[in-house]
Structures are given as C-alpha cells and as structure tokens.
Amino acid sequence: MSAFRDTRGPPLVSARAFTEEVAEVNTSEGDETPRAGYRRSAGSPRGEARRRELLERVTEDLAVNGLVDFSLRRAARAAGTTHKVLLYHFDSADDLLKQAIFRLRDRRIDKALATAVGAAGRLTLAAWVRAVWPVLVGEEARVLDQAIGLAMYDPGRYAELGRGASQQYLPSLLSICPERWSDRRKLEVAEMILAVLRGFLVDARTSGDTAGIAAGFEALARALEREEAADE
C-alpha cells in the first residue's frame, strides 16, 4: 500500500508532488523553522498555486475548529501533507496562522459588502451595521474574534493580527460613507464603527448578554443617523 494514501479515500497528495516538495525542505532541529539558505522555489507559479491550495485547507480547518489547540502538525493533517511541506511554503507556524486569519477576514468582508450591494439603493450607515451584524457573529467568524484575544494575550508575537484587522476592515467601512463627506470625516466615522462593533463582538463572545448588546446597537444606530443628517 502506498505510504501516501489515506485508506479511507483517495490520495491526500500525490507521491511525486510530495517528494518534490519535501526534497527541497531543510529544517532545523525540531522541524520548527527552515534553516537559512535552503533553496526555495515556492515563488514559482506552481509553487504559488500549491501554497494557495494548502492555505485554503488550513483556513477551512480554522473556520470549523477555531484557534484552540492550533499547531503546525494539526494544520498539516488538515492540509493532507506534512509540517515540513508547510514550512517550505510558509515562514513559520505563526506566518501560516496569520495568513489563514487574513483569508477568513477577507471572506467576512466579502459577505458584508455583498449585504450592502444586495440592497436596493445605498444603505444608510445605521441600516448597514444592522444588516452586517449577523455576518459578524456567524459561527465561521468565531475564530476571528478569538484572534482578537490572541493579539491581546501576546501582543509582541501576534500584534499584526490586530493591526491587520484594522487595515483590512477600514477600506470597506470608508467605502460605505456618504461620498460628500471629507476624507477626515469618513475616517473618523469608520474608526468609530470599527471600534464599537469590535467591542460588541467581544461582549457577544464572552458574556452572551444579547439584551445589553441590542441596547448598545440602538445607541450606535442613532449616533450614525444623526451623523448622516448633520451638515459638514
């Protein structure tokens, strides 16, 4: 029986592809990080395609199982490969985790924007935050809220997860602001929405106080309605 075959189904990865990938991997003791100077061709079109494939599989695993007990070996099982192959395509376990989190955020943003685009005409800011809230608190998005806690728990190691969130979300929030507004005003309102929704998400995951969140949501909606009604 082939060593590269899962007895429950088709091969997880072909023997040829596996051999070609592993042949160029040279890891340090403990197989945690690649040694400096080993030959890497992952930037080739074929290598990039393989990298995207692996990232999608790991992203799906995170979406289902969350961050608890995430490890390079768990990611390798989810991707149907070995941790050495993952280290060939990604700089480290932290790099892989970061890229998967960013991919999940992209999905969340796409869903949120689709909610706005699918409405008849332009949604007001208040209507938009109400429409996207179910997307933000969906089960698939739970891992993104766990990432907030990770960035707070170890900012030195995971600070980019927090900074990256703002960089990913802000362009979408700016795009839904009225066109007549100045860039400064758009930024101020977008930052407010981002901060308040992030607070609601943390509260939703930690306290489960739906009544309190609903009350706060109404206050946010009123503030946004007043902001849109006000002149420059």
C-alpha atoms as a PDB file:
ATOM      1  CA  MET A   1       0.000   0.000   0.000  1.00  0.00           C
ATOM      2  CA  SER A   2       1.294   3.445  -0.873  1.00  0.00           C
ATOM      3  CA  ALA A   3       2.565   5.473   2.061  1.00  0.00           C
ATOM      4  CA  PHE A   4       0.890   8.495   0.568  1.00  0.00           C
ATOM      5  CA  ARG A   5      -2.640   7.099   0.517  1.00  0.00           C
ATOM      6  CA  ASP A   6      -5.369   7.551   3.100  1.00  0.00           C
ATOM      7  CA  THR A   7      -7.055   4.146   3.345  1.00  0.00           C
ATOM      8  CA  ARG A   8     -10.415   5.875   3.729  1.00  0.00           C
ATOM      9  CA  GLY A   9     -10.294   7.619   0.368  1.00  0.00           C
ATOM     10  CA  PRO A  10      -8.160   8.953  -2.488  1.00  0.00           C
ATOM     11  CA  PRO A  11      -4.552  10.055  -2.008  1.00  0.00           C
ATOM     12  CA  LEU A  12      -4.215  13.226   0.053  1.00  0.00           C
ATOM     13  CA  VAL A  13      -1.227  14.261  -2.038  1.00  0.00           C
ATOM     14  CA  SER A  14       0.478  12.514  -4.945  1.00  0.00           C
ATOM     15  CA  ALA A  15       3.758  10.736  -4.267  1.00  0.00           C
ATOM     16  CA  ARG A  16       5.516  12.762  -6.951  1.00  0.00           C
ATOM     17  CA  ALA A  17       4.289  16.143  -5.650  1.00  0.00           C
ATOM     18  CA  PHE A  18       5.097  15.172  -2.075  1.00  0.00           C
ATOM     19  CA  THR A  19       8.615  14.050  -2.975  1.00  0.00           C
ATOM     20  CA  GLU A  20       9.352  17.169  -4.991  1.00  0.00           C
ATOM     21  CA  GLU A  21       8.235  19.430  -2.155  1.00  0.00           C
ATOM     22  CA  VAL A  22       9.997  17.593   0.662  1.00  0.00           C
ATOM     23  CA  ALA A  23      13.211  17.185  -1.339  1.00  0.00           C
ATOM     24  CA  GLU A  24      13.866  20.913  -1.068  1.00  0.00           C
ATOM     25  CA  VAL A  25      12.926  21.313   2.591  1.00  0.00           C
ATOM     26  CA  ASN A  26      15.759  21.583   5.113  1.00  0.00           C
ATOM     27  CA  THR A  27      14.539  22.257   8.631  1.00  0.00           C
ATOM     28  CA  SER A  28      16.365  22.880  11.852  1.00  0.00           C
ATOM     29  CA  GLU A  29      16.345  20.572  14.833  1.00  0.00           C
ATOM     30  CA  GLY A  30      12.761  20.016  15.938  1.00  0.00           C
ATOM     31  CA  ASP A  31      11.454  20.891  12.463  1.00  0.00           C
ATOM     32  CA  GLU A  32      10.065  24.204  13.645  1.00  0.00           C
ATOM     33  CA  THR A  33      11.766  26.657  11.298  1.00  0.00           C
ATOM     34  CA  PRO A  34      13.615  26.278   7.984  1.00  0.00           C
ATOM     35  CA  ARG A  35      17.370  26.737   8.082  1.00  0.00           C
ATOM     36  CA  ALA A  36      18.614  29.901   6.476  1.00  0.00           C
ATOM     37  CA  GLY A  37      19.915  29.476   2.966  1.00  0.00           C
ATOM     38  CA  TYR A  38      17.978  26.421   1.763  1.00  0.00           C
ATOM     39  CA  ARG A  39      16.764  26.565  -1.825  1.00  0.00           C
ATOM     40  CA  ARG A  40      13.170  27.711  -2.130  1.00  0.00           C
ATOM     41  CA  SER A  41      11.183  27.727  -5.371  1.00  0.00           C
ATOM     42  CA  ALA A  42       7.789  28.290  -3.784  1.00  0.00           C
ATOM     43  CA  GLY A  43       7.585  31.628  -5.583  1.00  0.00           C
ATOM     44  CA  SER A  44       7.127  29.915  -8.930  1.00  0.00           C
ATOM     45  CA  PRO A  45       3.612  29.791 -10.450  1.00  0.00           C
ATOM     46  CA  ARG A  46       3.333  26.142  -9.499  1.00  0.00           C
ATOM     47  CA  GLY A  47       4.608  26.847  -6.006  1.00  0.00           C
ATOM     48  CA  GLU A  48       2.166  29.728  -5.529  1.00  0.00           C
ATOM     49  CA  ALA A  49      -0.724  27.534  -6.675  1.00  0.00           C
ATOM     50  CA  ARG A  50       0.285  24.847  -4.188  1.00  0.00           C
ATOM     51  CA  ARG A  51       0.648  27.450  -1.445  1.00  0.00           C
ATOM     52  CA  ARG A  52      -2.883  28.767  -2.089  1.00  0.00           C
ATOM     53  CA  GLU A  53      -4.251  25.228  -2.025  1.00  0.00           C
ATOM     54  CA  LEU A  54      -2.614  24.475   1.309  1.00  0.00           C
ATOM     55  CA  LEU A  55      -3.736  27.798   2.754  1.00  0.00           C
ATOM     56  CA  GLU A  56      -7.357  27.168   1.767  1.00  0.00           C
ATOM     57  CA  ARG A  57      -7.320  23.785   3.508  1.00  0.00           C
ATOM     58  CA  VAL A  58      -5.829  25.197   6.685  1.00  0.00           C
ATOM     59  CA  THR A  59      -8.276  28.118   6.560  1.00  0.00           C
ATOM     60  CA  GLU A  60     -11.201  25.694   6.361  1.00  0.00           C
ATOM     61  CA  ASP A  61      -9.868  23.836   9.392  1.00  0.00           C
ATOM     62  CA  LEU A  62      -9.610  27.072  11.365  1.00  0.00           C
ATOM     63  CA  ALA A  63     -13.128  28.101  10.367  1.00  0.00           C
ATOM     64  CA  VAL A  64     -14.500  24.805  11.716  1.00  0.00           C
ATOM     65  CA  ASN A  65     -12.269  24.101  14.715  1.00  0.00           C
ATOM     66  CA  GLY A  66     -11.068  27.552  15.812  1.00  0.00           C
ATOM     67  CA  LEU A  67      -7.728  28.556  17.289  1.00  0.00           C
ATOM     68  CA  VAL A  68      -7.783  26.283  20.334  1.00  0.00           C
ATOM     69  CA  ASP A  69      -5.028  23.655  20.008  1.00  0.00           C
ATOM     70  CA  PHE A  70      -3.902  25.008  16.655  1.00  0.00           C
ATOM     71  CA  SER A  71      -0.441  23.722  15.766  1.00  0.00           C
ATOM     72  CA  LEU A  72       1.689  23.138  12.724  1.00  0.00           C
ATOM     73  CA  ARG A  73       1.036  19.413  12.881  1.00  0.00           C
ATOM     74  CA  ARG A  74      -2.728  19.928  13.121  1.00  0.00           C
ATOM     75  CA  ALA A  75      -2.506  22.246  10.115  1.00  0.00           C
ATOM     76  CA  ALA A  76      -0.532  19.610   8.229  1.00  0.00           C
ATOM     77  CA  ARG A  77      -3.200  16.988   8.909  1.00  0.00           C
ATOM     78  CA  ALA A  78      -5.891  19.368   7.689  1.00  0.00           C
ATOM     79  CA  ALA A  79      -3.896  20.143   4.538  1.00  0.00           C
ATOM     80  CA  GLY A  80      -3.152  16.480   3.836  1.00  0.00           C
ATOM     81  CA  THR A  81       0.608  16.944   3.961  1.00  0.00           C
ATOM     82  CA  THR A  82       3.461  17.186   6.477  1.00  0.00           C
ATOM     83  CA  HIS A  83       4.635  20.040   8.661  1.00  0.00           C
ATOM     84  CA  LYS A  84       7.899  20.103   6.682  1.00  0.00           C
ATOM     85  CA  VAL A  85       5.999  20.817   3.479  1.00  0.00           C
ATOM     86  CA  LEU A  86       4.092  23.627   5.182  1.00  0.00           C
ATOM     87  CA  LEU A  87       7.392  25.136   6.333  1.00  0.00           C
ATOM     88  CA  TYR A  88       8.544  25.039   2.739  1.00  0.00           C
ATOM     89  CA  HIS A  89       5.632  27.264   1.695  1.00  0.00           C
ATOM     90  CA  PHE A  90       5.281  29.399   4.849  1.00  0.00           C
ATOM     91  CA  ASP A  91       7.915  31.024   7.042  1.00  0.00           C
ATOM     92  CA  SER A  92       6.623  29.535  10.298  1.00  0.00           C
ATOM     93  CA  ALA A  93       3.530  28.283  12.084  1.00  0.00           C
ATOM     94  CA  ASP A  94       2.758  31.883  13.085  1.00  0.00           C
ATOM     95  CA  ASP A  95       3.034  33.013   9.459  1.00  0.00           C
ATOM     96  CA  LEU A  96       0.634  30.276   8.367  1.00  0.00           C
ATOM     97  CA  LEU A  97      -1.816  31.190  11.119  1.00  0.00           C
ATOM     98  CA  LYS A  98      -1.652  34.874  10.199  1.00  0.00           C
ATOM     99  CA  GLN A  99      -2.291  34.172   6.520  1.00  0.00           C
ATOM    100  CA  ALA A 100      -5.270  31.936   7.343  1.00  0.00           C
ATOM    101  CA  ILE A 101      -6.755  34.583   9.648  1.00  0.00           C
ATOM    102  CA  PHE A 102      -6.349  37.212   6.926  1.00  0.00           C
ATOM    103  CA  ARG A 103      -8.100  34.877   4.474  1.00  0.00           C
ATOM    104  CA  LEU A 104     -11.042  34.404   6.843  1.00  0.00           C
ATOM    105  CA  ARG A 105     -11.292  38.175   7.282  1.00  0.00           C
ATOM    106  CA  ASP A 106     -11.426  38.600   3.525  1.00  0.00           C
ATOM    107  CA  ARG A 107     -14.384  36.214   3.449  1.00  0.00           C
ATOM    108  CA  ARG A 108     -16.146  38.161   6.191  1.00  0.00           C
ATOM    109  CA  ILE A 109     -15.566  41.448   4.360  1.00  0.00           C
ATOM    110  CA  ASP A 110     -16.842  40.000   1.074  1.00  0.00           C
ATOM    111  CA  LYS A 111     -20.029  38.843   2.802  1.00  0.00           C
ATOM    112  CA  ALA A 112     -20.519  42.210   4.474  1.00  0.00           C
ATOM    113  CA  LEU A 113     -20.071  44.099   1.213  1.00  0.00           C
ATOM    114  CA  ALA A 114     -22.420  41.693  -0.563  1.00  0.00           C
ATOM    115  CA  THR A 115     -25.051  42.553   2.038  1.00  0.00           C
ATOM    116  CA  ALA A 116     -24.767  46.238   1.165  1.00  0.00           C
ATOM    117  CA  VAL A 117     -24.625  45.674  -2.595  1.00  0.00           C
ATOM    118  CA  GLY A 118     -27.606  43.366  -2.493  1.00  0.00           C
ATOM    119  CA  ALA A 119     -29.845  46.039  -1.014  1.00  0.00           C
ATOM    120  CA  ALA A 120     -31.952  48.321  -3.181  1.00  0.00           C
ATOM    121  CA  GLY A 121     -30.076  51.605  -3.326  1.00  0.00           C
ATOM    122  CA  ARG A 122     -27.477  52.763  -0.850  1.00  0.00           C
ATOM    123  CA  LEU A 123     -27.978  51.670   2.741  1.00  0.00           C
ATOM    124  CA  THR A 124     -27.645  54.237   5.473  1.00  0.00           C
ATOM    125  CA  LEU A 125     -24.805  53.583   7.878  1.00  0.00           C
ATOM    126  CA  ALA A 126     -27.270  52.592  10.588  1.00  0.00           C
ATOM    127  CA  ALA A 127     -29.023  50.142   8.252  1.00  0.00           C
ATOM    128  CA  TRP A 128     -25.687  48.746   7.111  1.00  0.00           C
ATOM    129  CA  VAL A 129     -24.409  47.908  10.603  1.00  0.00           C
ATOM    130  CA  ARG A 130     -27.723  46.197  11.363  1.00  0.00           C
ATOM    131  CA  ALA A 131     -27.525  44.212   8.130  1.00  0.00           C
ATOM    132  CA  VAL A 132     -23.948  43.012   8.615  1.00  0.00           C
ATOM    133  CA  TRP A 133     -24.202  42.094  12.295  1.00  0.00           C
ATOM    134  CA  PRO A 134     -25.446  38.534  11.565  1.00  0.00           C
ATOM    135  CA  VAL A 135     -22.406  38.084   9.310  1.00  0.00           C
ATOM    136  CA  LEU A 136     -20.066  39.291  12.045  1.00  0.00           C
ATOM    137  CA  VAL A 137     -21.408  36.927  14.700  1.00  0.00           C
ATOM    138  CA  GLY A 138     -21.737  33.858  12.462  1.00  0.00           C
ATOM    139  CA  GLU A 139     -20.044  30.649  13.597  1.00  0.00           C
ATOM    140  CA  GLU A 140     -17.429  30.840  10.830  1.00  0.00           C
ATOM    141  CA  ALA A 141     -16.364  34.234  12.178  1.00  0.00           C
ATOM    142  CA  ARG A 142     -15.810  32.974  15.735  1.00  0.00           C
ATOM    143  CA  VAL A 143     -12.142  32.262  15.048  1.00  0.00           C
ATOM    144  CA  LEU A 144     -11.640  35.918  14.060  1.00  0.00           C
ATOM    145  CA  ASP A 145     -12.877  37.030  17.444  1.00  0.00           C
ATOM    146  CA  GLN A 146     -10.551  34.513  19.078  1.00  0.00           C
ATOM    147  CA  ALA A 147      -7.741  36.179  17.135  1.00  0.00           C
ATOM    148  CA  ILE A 148      -8.545  39.461  18.903  1.00  0.00           C
ATOM    149  CA  GLY A 149      -7.925  37.730  22.222  1.00  0.00           C
ATOM    150  CA  LEU A 150      -4.707  36.229  20.898  1.00  0.00           C
ATOM    151  CA  ALA A 151      -3.391  39.666  19.909  1.00  0.00           C
ATOM    152  CA  MET A 152      -4.253  40.973  23.384  1.00  0.00           C
ATOM    153  CA  TYR A 153      -2.767  37.964  25.166  1.00  0.00           C
ATOM    154  CA  ASP A 154       0.624  38.135  23.412  1.00  0.00           C
ATOM    155  CA  PRO A 155       0.907  41.464  21.550  1.00  0.00           C
ATOM    156  CA  GLY A 156       4.606  41.046  20.964  1.00  0.00           C
ATOM    157  CA  ARG A 157       4.015  37.883  18.977  1.00  0.00           C
ATOM    158  CA  TYR A 158       0.573  38.475  17.482  1.00  0.00           C
ATOM    159  CA  ALA A 159       0.294  42.260  17.251  1.00  0.00           C
ATOM    160  CA  GLU A 160      -0.025  42.044  13.474  1.00  0.00           C
ATOM    161  CA  LEU A 161      -3.313  40.183  13.850  1.00  0.00           C
ATOM    162  CA  GLY A 162      -4.760  43.294  15.483  1.00  0.00           C
ATOM    163  CA  ARG A 163      -3.130  45.822  13.161  1.00  0.00           C
ATOM    164  CA  GLY A 164      -4.024  43.714  10.163  1.00  0.00           C
ATOM    165  CA  ALA A 165      -7.683  43.699  11.153  1.00  0.00           C
ATOM    166  CA  SER A 166      -7.924  47.479  11.013  1.00  0.00           C
ATOM    167  CA  GLN A 167      -6.061  47.603   7.714  1.00  0.00           C
ATOM    168  CA  GLN A 168      -8.412  45.033   6.203  1.00  0.00           C
ATOM    169  CA  TYR A 169     -11.704  46.423   7.516  1.00  0.00           C
ATOM    170  CA  LEU A 170     -11.186  50.174   7.164  1.00  0.00           C
ATOM    171  CA  PRO A 171     -11.318  50.401   3.332  1.00  0.00           C
ATOM    172  CA  SER A 172     -14.742  48.735   3.310  1.00  0.00           C
ATOM    173  CA  LEU A 173     -16.053  50.999   6.069  1.00  0.00           C
ATOM    174  CA  LEU A 174     -14.744  54.082   4.282  1.00  0.00           C
ATOM    175  CA  SER A 175     -16.452  52.970   1.086  1.00  0.00           C
ATOM    176  CA  ILE A 176     -19.924  52.946   2.667  1.00  0.00           C
ATOM    177  CA  CYS A 177     -19.668  56.508   3.994  1.00  0.00           C
ATOM    178  CA  PRO A 178     -21.501  59.233   2.015  1.00  0.00           C
ATOM    179  CA  GLU A 179     -19.419  60.432  -0.931  1.00  0.00           C
ATOM    180  CA  ARG A 180     -19.964  64.083   0.003  1.00  0.00           C
ATOM    181  CA  TRP A 181     -18.064  63.668   3.258  1.00  0.00           C
ATOM    182  CA  SER A 182     -14.459  64.773   3.565  1.00  0.00           C
ATOM    183  CA  ASP A 183     -11.801  62.071   3.882  1.00  0.00           C
ATOM    184  CA  ARG A 184     -11.242  63.077   7.500  1.00  0.00           C
ATOM    185  CA  ARG A 185     -14.887  62.707   8.421  1.00  0.00           C
ATOM    186  CA  LYS A 186     -15.103  59.328   6.693  1.00  0.00           C
ATOM    187  CA  LEU A 187     -12.087  58.117   8.647  1.00  0.00           C
ATOM    188  CA  GLU A 188     -13.484  59.333  11.970  1.00  0.00           C
ATOM    189  CA  VAL A 189     -16.827  57.597  11.469  1.00  0.00           C
ATOM    190  CA  ALA A 190     -15.264  54.421  10.058  1.00  0.00           C
ATOM    191  CA  GLU A 191     -12.926  54.154  13.049  1.00  0.00           C
ATOM    192  CA  MET A 192     -15.855  54.643  15.421  1.00  0.00           C
ATOM    193  CA  ILE A 193     -17.895  51.916  13.734  1.00  0.00           C
ATOM    194  CA  LEU A 194     -14.939  49.528  13.747  1.00  0.00           C
ATOM    195  CA  ALA A 195     -14.154  50.095  17.425  1.00  0.00           C
ATOM    196  CA  VAL A 196     -17.765  49.810  18.594  1.00  0.00           C
ATOM    197  CA  LEU A 197     -18.533  46.673  16.560  1.00  0.00           C
ATOM    198  CA  ARG A 198     -15.322  45.084  17.806  1.00  0.00           C
ATOM    199  CA  GLY A 199     -16.434  45.794  21.364  1.00  0.00           C
ATOM    200  CA  PHE A 200     -19.848  44.284  20.703  1.00  0.00           C
ATOM    201  CA  LEU A 201     -18.208  41.172  19.248  1.00  0.00           C
ATOM    202  CA  VAL A 202     -16.002  40.670  22.291  1.00  0.00           C
ATOM    203  CA  ASP A 203     -19.031  41.152  24.535  1.00  0.00           C
ATOM    204  CA  ALA A 204     -21.097  38.715  22.476  1.00  0.00           C
ATOM    205  CA  ARG A 205     -18.429  36.007  22.697  1.00  0.00           C
ATOM    206  CA  THR A 206     -17.583  36.475  26.356  1.00  0.00           C
ATOM    207  CA  SER A 207     -20.774  37.495  28.157  1.00  0.00           C
ATOM    208  CA  GLY A 208     -23.576  36.412  25.855  1.00  0.00           C
ATOM    209  CA  ASP A 209     -25.529  39.476  27.018  1.00  0.00           C
ATOM    210  CA  THR A 210     -27.726  39.841  23.947  1.00  0.00           C
ATOM    211  CA  ALA A 211     -30.028  42.366  25.607  1.00  0.00           C
ATOM    212  CA  GLY A 212     -27.135  44.651  26.509  1.00  0.00           C
ATOM    213  CA  ILE A 213     -25.654  44.402  23.024  1.00  0.00           C
ATOM    214  CA  ALA A 214     -29.049  45.167  21.459  1.00  0.00           C
ATOM    215  CA  ALA A 215     -29.371  48.284  23.607  1.00  0.00           C
ATOM    216  CA  GLY A 216     -25.895  49.432  22.636  1.00  0.00           C
ATOM    217  CA  PHE A 217     -26.672  48.741  19.000  1.00  0.00           C
ATOM    218  CA  GLU A 218     -29.638  51.075  19.095  1.00  0.00           C
ATOM    219  CA  ALA A 219     -27.467  53.834  20.524  1.00  0.00           C
ATOM    220  CA  LEU A 220     -24.906  53.276  17.761  1.00  0.00           C
ATOM    221  CA  ALA A 221     -27.636  53.401  15.114  1.00  0.00           C
ATOM    222  CA  ARG A 222     -28.982  56.688  16.479  1.00  0.00           C
ATOM    223  CA  ALA A 223     -25.490  58.191  16.542  1.00  0.00           C
ATOM    224  CA  LEU A 224     -24.945  57.204  12.915  1.00  0.00           C
ATOM    225  CA  GLU A 225     -28.328  58.583  11.873  1.00  0.00           C
ATOM    226  CA  ARG A 226     -27.502  61.910  13.500  1.00  0.00           C
ATOM    227  CA  GLU A 227     -24.077  61.927  11.864  1.00  0.00           C
ATOM    228  CA  GLU A 228     -25.516  61.375   8.409  1.00  0.00           C
ATOM    229  CA  ALA A 229     -28.182  64.023   8.966  1.00  0.00           C
ATOM    230  CA  ALA A 230     -25.648  66.635  10.082  1.00  0.00           C
ATOM    231  CA  ASP A 231     -24.035  69.077   7.662  1.00  0.00           C
ATOM    232  CA  GLU A 232     -20.285  69.170   7.128  1.00  0.00           C
END
